[in-house]
Amino acid sequence: MTENLSRVDIYNEDYVDVNHAYVQIYKFYKRLLEAEDADEEVMAVLREILLVFNPTLDRIKSEMTVKTRFKEENMPDKNKKNMKEKETQVILHGNFTGE
């Protein structure tokens, strides 16, 4: 029998995975921008997904009751370095106009 979960429960459990999907789509889009023969229809669809997805993720995160990042003081030095590198690579508010 399934338990009754609220949307916030689901947000708390699945936000990281959904955000990861956004980041993967964004990285894919950025790579396609570099292609000489990028398909404009595919690019347009990806831009639309990102434009709609971004504020939705912000809304979901604003309703969450759990933190989405670890506190740095509880992390080994190696993980701190990896987290900082990842933070500089992820741009959640990109320019999707293709300019």
PDB file of N, CA and C in Angstrom:
ATOM      1  N   MET A   1       0.845  -1.189   0.000  1.00  0.00           N
ATOM      2  CA  MET A   1       0.000   0.000   0.000  1.00  0.00           C
ATOM      3  C   MET A   1       0.886   1.247   0.000  1.00  0.00           C
ATOM      4  N   THR A   2       0.565   2.198  -0.837  1.00  0.00           N
ATOM      5  CA  THR A   2       1.349   3.433  -0.923  1.00  0.00           C
ATOM      6  C   THR A   2       0.907   4.397   0.169  1.00  0.00           C
ATOM      7  N   GLU A   3       1.913   5.069   0.705  1.00  0.00           N
ATOM      8  CA  GLU A   3       1.607   6.086   1.699  1.00  0.00           C
ATOM      9  C   GLU A   3       1.174   7.361   0.998  1.00  0.00           C
ATOM     10  N   ASN A   4       0.408   8.160   1.700  1.00  0.00           N
ATOM     11  CA  ASN A   4      -0.014   9.438   1.131  1.00  0.00           C
ATOM     12  C   ASN A   4       1.078  10.469   1.381  1.00  0.00           C
ATOM     13  N   LEU A   5       1.682  10.913   0.309  1.00  0.00           N
ATOM     14  CA  LEU A   5       2.730  11.920   0.395  1.00  0.00           C
ATOM     15  C   LEU A   5       2.189  13.264  -0.047  1.00  0.00           C
ATOM     16  N   SER A   6       2.701  14.293   0.583  1.00  0.00           N
ATOM     17  CA  SER A   6       2.363  15.633   0.121  1.00  0.00           C
ATOM     18  C   SER A   6       3.324  16.022  -0.994  1.00  0.00           C
ATOM     19  N   ARG A   7       3.010  17.101  -1.699  1.00  0.00           N
ATOM     20  CA  ARG A   7       3.912  17.551  -2.761  1.00  0.00           C
ATOM     21  C   ARG A   7       5.258  17.950  -2.182  1.00  0.00           C
ATOM     22  N   VAL A   8       5.269  18.538  -0.975  1.00  0.00           N
ATOM     23  CA  VAL A   8       6.529  18.945  -0.352  1.00  0.00           C
ATOM     24  C   VAL A   8       7.377  17.714  -0.032  1.00  0.00           C
ATOM     25  N   ASP A   9       6.748  16.629   0.408  1.00  0.00           N
ATOM     26  CA  ASP A   9       7.488  15.388   0.644  1.00  0.00           C
ATOM     27  C   ASP A   9       8.167  14.927  -0.642  1.00  0.00           C
ATOM     28  N   ILE A  10       7.437  14.986  -1.725  1.00  0.00           N
ATOM     29  CA  ILE A  10       7.983  14.565  -3.019  1.00  0.00           C
ATOM     30  C   ILE A  10       9.060  15.531  -3.476  1.00  0.00           C
ATOM     31  N   TYR A  11       8.834  16.837  -3.301  1.00  0.00           N
ATOM     32  CA  TYR A  11       9.858  17.825  -3.634  1.00  0.00           C
ATOM     33  C   TYR A  11      11.140  17.527  -2.867  1.00  0.00           C
ATOM     34  N   ASN A  12      11.008  17.286  -1.566  1.00  0.00           N
ATOM     35  CA  ASN A  12      12.172  17.012  -0.719  1.00  0.00           C
ATOM     36  C   ASN A  12      12.931  15.779  -1.200  1.00  0.00           C
ATOM     37  N   GLU A  13      12.210  14.763  -1.602  1.00  0.00           N
ATOM     38  CA  GLU A  13      12.835  13.505  -2.002  1.00  0.00           C
ATOM     39  C   GLU A  13      13.442  13.557  -3.406  1.00  0.00           C
ATOM     40  N   ASP A  14      12.831  14.294  -4.324  1.00  0.00           N
ATOM     41  CA  ASP A  14      13.210  14.183  -5.731  1.00  0.00           C
ATOM     42  C   ASP A  14      13.837  15.426  -6.347  1.00  0.00           C
ATOM     43  N   TYR A  15      13.928  16.532  -5.604  1.00  0.00           N
ATOM     44  CA  TYR A  15      14.449  17.766  -6.188  1.00  0.00           C
ATOM     45  C   TYR A  15      15.849  17.596  -6.770  1.00  0.00           C
ATOM     46  N   VAL A  16      16.727  16.957  -6.049  1.00  0.00           N
ATOM     47  CA  VAL A  16      18.118  16.828  -6.500  1.00  0.00           C
ATOM     48  C   VAL A  16      18.160  16.115  -7.852  1.00  0.00           C
ATOM     49  N   ASP A  17      17.379  15.049  -8.006  1.00  0.00           N
ATOM     50  CA  ASP A  17      17.352  14.325  -9.280  1.00  0.00           C
ATOM     51  C   ASP A  17      16.774  15.179 -10.405  1.00  0.00           C
ATOM     52  N   VAL A  18      15.720  15.917 -10.107  1.00  0.00           N
ATOM     53  CA  VAL A  18      15.102  16.766 -11.129  1.00  0.00           C
ATOM     54  C   VAL A  18      16.048  17.902 -11.515  1.00  0.00           C
ATOM     55  N   ASN A  19      16.723  18.485 -10.535  1.00  0.00           N
ATOM     56  CA  ASN A  19      17.696  19.530 -10.822  1.00  0.00           C
ATOM     57  C   ASN A  19      18.844  18.976 -11.661  1.00  0.00           C
ATOM     58  N   HIS A  20      19.270  17.763 -11.366  1.00  0.00           N
ATOM     59  CA  HIS A  20      20.328  17.123 -12.150  1.00  0.00           C
ATOM     60  C   HIS A  20      19.888  16.976 -13.612  1.00  0.00           C
ATOM     61  N   ALA A  21      18.639  16.602 -13.816  1.00  0.00           N
ATOM     62  CA  ALA A  21      18.126  16.479 -15.188  1.00  0.00           C
ATOM     63  C   ALA A  21      18.203  17.828 -15.902  1.00  0.00           C
ATOM     64  N   TYR A  22      17.844  18.896 -15.213  1.00  0.00           N
ATOM     65  CA  TYR A  22      17.936  20.237 -15.786  1.00  0.00           C
ATOM     66  C   TYR A  22      19.373  20.556 -16.191  1.00  0.00           C
ATOM     67  N   VAL A  23      20.310  20.264 -15.291  1.00  0.00           N
ATOM     68  CA  VAL A  23      21.718  20.546 -15.557  1.00  0.00           C
ATOM     69  C   VAL A  23      22.195  19.751 -16.771  1.00  0.00           C
ATOM     70  N   GLN A  24      21.783  18.503 -16.879  1.00  0.00           N
ATOM     71  CA  GLN A  24      22.180  17.676 -18.018  1.00  0.00           C
ATOM     72  C   GLN A  24      21.616  18.237 -19.325  1.00  0.00           C
ATOM     73  N   ILE A  25      20.378  18.677 -19.312  1.00  0.00           N
ATOM     74  CA  ILE A  25      19.778  19.280 -20.507  1.00  0.00           C
ATOM     75  C   ILE A  25      20.529  20.558 -20.876  1.00  0.00           C
ATOM     76  N   TYR A  26      20.858  21.356 -19.858  1.00  0.00           N
ATOM     77  CA  TYR A  26      21.586  22.600 -20.102  1.00  0.00           C
ATOM     78  C   TYR A  26      22.953  22.322 -20.727  1.00  0.00           C
ATOM     79  N   LYS A  27      23.680  21.339 -20.174  1.00  0.00           N
ATOM     80  CA  LYS A  27      24.993  20.996 -20.725  1.00  0.00           C
ATOM     81  C   LYS A  27      24.857  20.517 -22.172  1.00  0.00           C
ATOM     82  N   PHE A  28      23.857  19.720 -22.442  1.00  0.00           N
ATOM     83  CA  PHE A  28      23.604  19.216 -23.795  1.00  0.00           C
ATOM     84  C   PHE A  28      23.334  20.386 -24.743  1.00  0.00           C
ATOM     85  N   TYR A  29      22.493  21.307 -24.312  1.00  0.00           N
ATOM     86  CA  TYR A  29      22.167  22.491 -25.106  1.00  0.00           C
ATOM     87  C   TYR A  29      23.424  23.304 -25.407  1.00  0.00           C
ATOM     88  N   LYS A  30      24.248  23.553 -24.383  1.00  0.00           N
ATOM     89  CA  LYS A  30      25.471  24.336 -24.569  1.00  0.00           C
ATOM     90  C   LYS A  30      26.416  23.656 -25.555  1.00  0.00           C
ATOM     91  N   ARG A  31      26.518  22.340 -25.501  1.00  0.00           N
ATOM     92  CA  ARG A  31      27.377  21.615 -26.447  1.00  0.00           C
ATOM     93  C   ARG A  31      26.831  21.734 -27.859  1.00  0.00           C
ATOM     94  N   LEU A  32      25.515  21.639 -28.010  1.00  0.00           N
ATOM     95  CA  LEU A  32      24.920  21.753 -29.344  1.00  0.00           C
ATOM     96  C   LEU A  32      25.124  23.142 -29.931  1.00  0.00           C
ATOM     97  N   LEU A  33      25.192  24.160 -29.085  1.00  0.00           N
ATOM     98  CA  LEU A  33      25.448  25.514 -29.585  1.00  0.00           C
ATOM     99  C   LEU A  33      26.769  25.588 -30.338  1.00  0.00           C
ATOM    100  N   GLU A  34      27.699  24.729 -29.996  1.00  0.00           N
ATOM    101  CA  GLU A  34      29.015  24.723 -30.621  1.00  0.00           C
ATOM    102  C   GLU A  34      29.040  23.954 -31.942  1.00  0.00           C
ATOM    103  N   ALA A  35      27.997  23.201 -32.218  1.00  0.00           N
ATOM    104  CA  ALA A  35      27.972  22.377 -33.434  1.00  0.00           C
ATOM    105  C   ALA A  35      27.687  23.239 -34.658  1.00  0.00           C
ATOM    106  N   GLU A  36      28.425  22.996 -35.718  1.00  0.00           N
ATOM    107  CA  GLU A  36      28.209  23.727 -36.971  1.00  0.00           C
ATOM    108  C   GLU A  36      26.824  23.432 -37.559  1.00  0.00           C
ATOM    109  N   ASP A  37      26.384  22.197 -37.390  1.00  0.00           N
ATOM    110  CA  ASP A  37      25.141  21.766 -38.026  1.00  0.00           C
ATOM    111  C   ASP A  37      24.015  21.530 -37.020  1.00  0.00           C
ATOM    112  N   ALA A  38      23.991  22.329 -35.937  1.00  0.00           N
ATOM    113  CA  ALA A  38      22.956  22.166 -34.915  1.00  0.00           C
ATOM    114  C   ALA A  38      21.567  22.302 -35.538  1.00  0.00           C
ATOM    115  N   ASP A  39      20.684  21.422 -35.149  1.00  0.00           N
ATOM    116  CA  ASP A  39      19.303  21.423 -35.630  1.00  0.00           C
ATOM    117  C   ASP A  39      18.538  22.512 -34.879  1.00  0.00           C
ATOM    118  N   GLU A  40      18.103  23.528 -35.590  1.00  0.00           N
ATOM    119  CA  GLU A  40      17.427  24.665 -34.965  1.00  0.00           C
ATOM    120  C   GLU A  40      16.123  24.260 -34.270  1.00  0.00           C
ATOM    121  N   GLU A  41      15.433  23.282 -34.801  1.00  0.00           N
ATOM    122  CA  GLU A  41      14.188  22.827 -34.168  1.00  0.00           C
ATOM    123  C   GLU A  41      14.498  22.185 -32.809  1.00  0.00           C
ATOM    124  N   VAL A  42      15.538  21.354 -32.775  1.00  0.00           N
ATOM    125  CA  VAL A  42      15.940  20.733 -31.509  1.00  0.00           C
ATOM    126  C   VAL A  42      16.390  21.816 -30.531  1.00  0.00           C
ATOM    127  N   MET A  43      17.165  22.758 -31.006  1.00  0.00           N
ATOM    128  CA  MET A  43      17.648  23.831 -30.143  1.00  0.00           C
ATOM    129  C   MET A  43      16.486  24.652 -29.577  1.00  0.00           C
ATOM    130  N   ALA A  44      15.507  24.933 -30.406  1.00  0.00           N
ATOM    131  CA  ALA A  44      14.352  25.713 -29.957  1.00  0.00           C
ATOM    132  C   ALA A  44      13.580  24.968 -28.869  1.00  0.00           C
ATOM    133  N   VAL A  45      13.403  23.666 -29.040  1.00  0.00           N
ATOM    134  CA  VAL A  45      12.687  22.869 -28.039  1.00  0.00           C
ATOM    135  C   VAL A  45      13.475  22.845 -26.733  1.00  0.00           C
ATOM    136  N   LEU A  46      14.771  22.640 -26.809  1.00  0.00           N
ATOM    137  CA  LEU A  46      15.596  22.629 -25.604  1.00  0.00           C
ATOM    138  C   LEU A  46      15.550  23.976 -24.890  1.00  0.00           C
ATOM    139  N   ARG A  47      15.607  25.083 -25.654  1.00  0.00           N
ATOM    140  CA  ARG A  47      15.501  26.417 -25.049  1.00  0.00           C
ATOM    141  C   ARG A  47      14.183  26.563 -24.300  1.00  0.00           C
ATOM    142  N   GLU A  48      13.102  26.129 -24.919  1.00  0.00           N
ATOM    143  CA  GLU A  48      11.784  26.233 -24.283  1.00  0.00           C
ATOM    144  C   GLU A  48      11.721  25.406 -23.004  1.00  0.00           C
ATOM    145  N   ILE A  49      12.260  24.196 -23.056  1.00  0.00           N
ATOM    146  CA  ILE A  49      12.280  23.345 -21.860  1.00  0.00           C
ATOM    147  C   ILE A  49      13.028  24.049 -20.743  1.00  0.00           C
ATOM    148  N   LEU A  50      14.210  24.584 -21.046  1.00  0.00           N
ATOM    149  CA  LEU A  50      15.026  25.246 -20.034  1.00  0.00           C
ATOM    150  C   LEU A  50      14.343  26.502 -19.493  1.00  0.00           C
ATOM    151  N   LEU A  51      13.730  27.270 -20.379  1.00  0.00           N
ATOM    152  CA  LEU A  51      13.054  28.496 -19.941  1.00  0.00           C
ATOM    153  C   LEU A  51      11.880  28.213 -19.016  1.00  0.00           C
ATOM    154  N   VAL A  52      11.176  27.133 -19.254  1.00  0.00           N
ATOM    155  CA  VAL A  52      10.038  26.772 -18.411  1.00  0.00           C
ATOM    156  C   VAL A  52      10.503  26.045 -17.150  1.00  0.00           C
ATOM    157  N   PHE A  53      11.491  25.195 -17.313  1.00  0.00           N
ATOM    158  CA  PHE A  53      11.987  24.364 -16.228  1.00  0.00           C
ATOM    159  C   PHE A  53      12.634  25.192 -15.120  1.00  0.00           C
ATOM    160  N   ASN A  54      13.394  26.209 -15.466  1.00  0.00           N
ATOM    161  CA  ASN A  54      14.159  26.984 -14.494  1.00  0.00           C
ATOM    162  C   ASN A  54      13.286  27.620 -13.407  1.00  0.00           C
ATOM    163  N   PRO A  55      12.264  28.398 -13.743  1.00  0.00           N
ATOM    164  CA  PRO A  55      11.444  28.988 -12.675  1.00  0.00           C
ATOM    165  C   PRO A  55      10.649  27.929 -11.906  1.00  0.00           C
ATOM    166  N   THR A  56      10.344  26.828 -12.560  1.00  0.00           N
ATOM    167  CA  THR A  56       9.636  25.750 -11.873  1.00  0.00           C
ATOM    168  C   THR A  56      10.530  25.141 -10.798  1.00  0.00           C
ATOM    169  N   LEU A  57      11.793  24.934 -11.120  1.00  0.00           N
ATOM    170  CA  LEU A  57      12.733  24.433 -10.110  1.00  0.00           C
ATOM    171  C   LEU A  57      12.855  25.418  -8.949  1.00  0.00           C
ATOM    172  N   ASP A  58      12.906  26.705  -9.252  1.00  0.00           N
ATOM    173  CA  ASP A  58      12.971  27.713  -8.194  1.00  0.00           C
ATOM    174  C   ASP A  58      11.746  27.634  -7.293  1.00  0.00           C
ATOM    175  N   ARG A  59      10.592  27.464  -7.895  1.00  0.00           N
ATOM    176  CA  ARG A  59       9.356  27.370  -7.114  1.00  0.00           C
ATOM    177  C   ARG A  59       9.363  26.131  -6.229  1.00  0.00           C
ATOM    178  N   ILE A  60       9.778  24.994  -6.805  1.00  0.00           N
ATOM    179  CA  ILE A  60       9.847  23.760  -6.032  1.00  0.00           C
ATOM    180  C   ILE A  60      10.808  23.943  -4.855  1.00  0.00           C
ATOM    181  N   LYS A  61      11.984  24.490  -5.134  1.00  0.00           N
ATOM    182  CA  LYS A  61      12.984  24.670  -4.083  1.00  0.00           C
ATOM    183  C   LYS A  61      12.473  25.600  -2.985  1.00  0.00           C
ATOM    184  N   SER A  62      11.702  26.600  -3.348  1.00  0.00           N
ATOM    185  CA  SER A  62      11.195  27.541  -2.345  1.00  0.00           C
ATOM    186  C   SER A  62      10.203  26.879  -1.386  1.00  0.00           C
ATOM    187  N   GLU A  63       9.591  25.786  -1.798  1.00  0.00           N
ATOM    188  CA  GLU A  63       8.626  25.094  -0.941  1.00  0.00           C
ATOM    189  C   GLU A  63       9.231  23.934  -0.160  1.00  0.00           C
ATOM    190  N   MET A  64      10.474  23.613  -0.454  1.00  0.00           N
ATOM    191  CA  MET A  64      11.103  22.480   0.214  1.00  0.00           C
ATOM    192  C   MET A  64      11.369  22.790   1.681  1.00  0.00           C
ATOM    193  N   THR A  65      11.379  21.730   2.480  1.00  0.00           N
ATOM    194  CA  THR A  65      11.649  21.885   3.906  1.00  0.00           C
ATOM    195  C   THR A  65      13.005  21.300   4.284  1.00  0.00           C
ATOM    196  N   VAL A  66      13.722  20.718   3.314  1.00  0.00           N
ATOM    197  CA  VAL A  66      15.061  20.191   3.589  1.00  0.00           C
ATOM    198  C   VAL A  66      16.068  20.979   2.776  1.00  0.00           C
ATOM    199  N   LYS A  67      17.303  21.010   3.245  1.00  0.00           N
ATOM    200  CA  LYS A  67      18.367  21.699   2.514  1.00  0.00           C
ATOM    201  C   LYS A  67      18.845  20.798   1.385  1.00  0.00           C
ATOM    202  N   THR A  68      19.291  21.409   0.296  1.00  0.00           N
ATOM    203  CA  THR A  68      19.722  20.634  -0.865  1.00  0.00           C
ATOM    204  C   THR A  68      21.229  20.519  -0.968  1.00  0.00           C
ATOM    205  N   ARG A  69      21.970  21.155  -0.076  1.00  0.00           N
ATOM    206  CA  ARG A  69      23.429  21.087  -0.102  1.00  0.00           C
ATOM    207  C   ARG A  69      23.937  20.658   1.275  1.00  0.00           C
ATOM    208  N   PHE A  70      25.064  19.970   1.253  1.00  0.00           N
ATOM    209  CA  PHE A  70      25.715  19.586   2.497  1.00  0.00           C
ATOM    210  C   PHE A  70      26.449  20.789   3.065  1.00  0.00           C
ATOM    211  N   LYS A  71      26.577  20.826   4.365  1.00  0.00           N
ATOM    212  CA  LYS A  71      27.392  21.865   4.975  1.00  0.00           C
ATOM    213  C   LYS A  71      28.844  21.513   4.757  1.00  0.00           C
ATOM    214  N   GLU A  72      29.630  22.454   4.323  1.00  0.00           N
ATOM    215  CA  GLU A  72      31.032  22.208   3.992  1.00  0.00           C
ATOM    216  C   GLU A  72      31.848  21.731   5.181  1.00  0.00           C
ATOM    217  N   GLU A  73      31.557  22.199   6.379  1.00  0.00           N
ATOM    218  CA  GLU A  73      32.382  21.800   7.519  1.00  0.00           C
ATOM    219  C   GLU A  73      32.259  20.307   7.834  1.00  0.00           C
ATOM    220  N   ASN A  74      31.218  19.652   7.354  1.00  0.00           N
ATOM    221  CA  ASN A  74      31.040  18.220   7.586  1.00  0.00           C
ATOM    222  C   ASN A  74      31.620  17.369   6.458  1.00  0.00           C
ATOM    223  N   MET A  75      32.239  17.979   5.469  1.00  0.00           N
ATOM    224  CA  MET A  75      32.740  17.256   4.311  1.00  0.00           C
ATOM    225  C   MET A  75      34.250  17.075   4.380  1.00  0.00           C
ATOM    226  N   PRO A  76      34.728  15.944   3.845  1.00  0.00           N
ATOM    227  CA  PRO A  76      36.182  15.812   3.683  1.00  0.00           C
ATOM    228  C   PRO A  76      36.681  16.855   2.684  1.00  0.00           C
ATOM    229  N   ASP A  77      37.955  17.262   2.801  1.00  0.00           N
ATOM    230  CA  ASP A  77      38.525  18.284   1.918  1.00  0.00           C
ATOM    231  C   ASP A  77      38.362  17.936   0.443  1.00  0.00           C
ATOM    232  N   LYS A  78      38.527  16.670   0.098  1.00  0.00           N
ATOM    233  CA  LYS A  78      38.401  16.236  -1.300  1.00  0.00           C
ATOM    234  C   LYS A  78      36.996  16.562  -1.831  1.00  0.00           C
ATOM    235  N   ASN A  79      35.968  16.296  -1.033  1.00  0.00           N
ATOM    236  CA  ASN A  79      34.591  16.568  -1.465  1.00  0.00           C
ATOM    237  C   ASN A  79      34.310  18.058  -1.551  1.00  0.00           C
ATOM    238  N   LYS A  80      34.925  18.844  -0.657  1.00  0.00           N
ATOM    239  CA  LYS A  80      34.754  20.296  -0.717  1.00  0.00           C
ATOM    240  C   LYS A  80      35.255  20.830  -2.051  1.00  0.00           C
ATOM    241  N   LYS A  81      36.435  20.351  -2.471  1.00  0.00           N
ATOM    242  CA  LYS A  81      37.019  20.798  -3.733  1.00  0.00           C
ATOM    243  C   LYS A  81      36.114  20.407  -4.895  1.00  0.00           C
ATOM    244  N   ASN A  82      35.624  19.168  -4.907  1.00  0.00           N
ATOM    245  CA  ASN A  82      34.741  18.704  -5.983  1.00  0.00           C
ATOM    246  C   ASN A  82      33.454  19.511  -6.026  1.00  0.00           C
ATOM    247  N   MET A  83      32.886  19.813  -4.861  1.00  0.00           N
ATOM    248  CA  MET A  83      31.650  20.580  -4.810  1.00  0.00           C
ATOM    249  C   MET A  83      31.876  21.982  -5.358  1.00  0.00           C
ATOM    250  N   LYS A  84      32.989  22.618  -4.981  1.00  0.00           N
ATOM    251  CA  LYS A  84      33.270  23.968  -5.475  1.00  0.00           C
ATOM    252  C   LYS A  84      33.457  23.960  -6.985  1.00  0.00           C
ATOM    253  N   GLU A  85      34.130  22.944  -7.522  1.00  0.00           N
ATOM    254  CA  GLU A  85      34.311  22.846  -8.967  1.00  0.00           C
ATOM    255  C   GLU A  85      32.968  22.672  -9.657  1.00  0.00           C
ATOM    256  N   LYS A  86      32.114  21.833  -9.099  1.00  0.00           N
ATOM    257  CA  LYS A  86      30.795  21.614  -9.700  1.00  0.00           C
ATOM    258  C   LYS A  86      29.960  22.874  -9.650  1.00  0.00           C
ATOM    259  N   GLU A  87      30.061  23.619  -8.537  1.00  0.00           N
ATOM    260  CA  GLU A  87      29.284  24.847  -8.411  1.00  0.00           C
ATOM    261  C   GLU A  87      29.673  25.851  -9.486  1.00  0.00           C
ATOM    262  N   THR A  88      30.933  25.901  -9.855  1.00  0.00           N
ATOM    263  CA  THR A  88      31.352  26.867 -10.864  1.00  0.00           C
ATOM    264  C   THR A  88      30.952  26.417 -12.262  1.00  0.00           C
ATOM    265  N   GLN A  89      30.680  25.126 -12.447  1.00  0.00           N
ATOM    266  CA  GLN A  89      30.316  24.614 -13.755  1.00  0.00           C
ATOM    267  C   GLN A  89      28.823  24.731 -14.028  1.00  0.00           C
ATOM    268  N   VAL A  90      27.999  24.729 -13.010  1.00  0.00           N
ATOM    269  CA  VAL A  90      26.552  24.696 -13.175  1.00  0.00           C
ATOM    270  C   VAL A  90      26.006  26.109 -13.216  1.00  0.00           C
ATOM    271  N   ILE A  91      25.353  26.451 -14.310  1.00  0.00           N
ATOM    272  CA  ILE A  91      24.732  27.756 -14.455  1.00  0.00           C
ATOM    273  C   ILE A  91      23.240  27.513 -14.610  1.00  0.00           C
ATOM    274  N   LEU A  92      22.467  27.884 -13.619  1.00  0.00           N
ATOM    275  CA  LEU A  92      21.035  27.599 -13.659  1.00  0.00           C
ATOM    276  C   LEU A  92      20.234  28.699 -14.328  1.00  0.00           C
ATOM    277  N   HIS A  93      20.820  29.863 -14.512  1.00  0.00           N
ATOM    278  CA  HIS A  93      20.109  30.973 -15.142  1.00  0.00           C
ATOM    279  C   HIS A  93      20.850  31.370 -16.417  1.00  0.00           C
ATOM    280  N   GLY A  94      20.824  30.492 -17.391  1.00  0.00           N
ATOM    281  CA  GLY A  94      21.558  30.730 -18.618  1.00  0.00           C
ATOM    282  C   GLY A  94      20.817  31.601 -19.609  1.00  0.00           C
ATOM    283  N   ASN A  95      21.516  31.986 -20.642  1.00  0.00           N
ATOM    284  CA  ASN A  95      20.925  32.736 -21.741  1.00  0.00           C
ATOM    285  C   ASN A  95      20.563  31.743 -22.836  1.00  0.00           C
ATOM    286  N   PHE A  96      19.301  31.563 -23.104  1.00  0.00           N
ATOM    287  CA  PHE A  96      18.846  30.544 -24.036  1.00  0.00           C
ATOM    288  C   PHE A  96      18.401  31.128 -25.371  1.00  0.00           C
ATOM    289  N   THR A  97      18.839  32.332 -25.653  1.00  0.00           N
ATOM    290  CA  THR A  97      18.439  32.964 -26.907  1.00  0.00           C
ATOM    291  C   THR A  97      19.322  32.542 -28.059  1.00  0.00           C
ATOM    292  N   GLY A  98      20.433  31.853 -27.745  1.00  0.00           N
ATOM    293  CA  GLY A  98      21.355  31.402 -28.780  1.00  0.00           C
ATOM    294  C   GLY A  98      22.265  32.498 -29.280  1.00  0.00           C
ATOM    295  N   GLU A  99      22.265  33.617 -28.630  1.00  0.00           N
ATOM    296  CA  GLU A  99      23.116  34.741 -29.049  1.00  0.00           C
ATOM    297  C   GLU A  99      24.435  34.704 -28.343  1.00  0.00           C
TER     298      GLU A  99
END
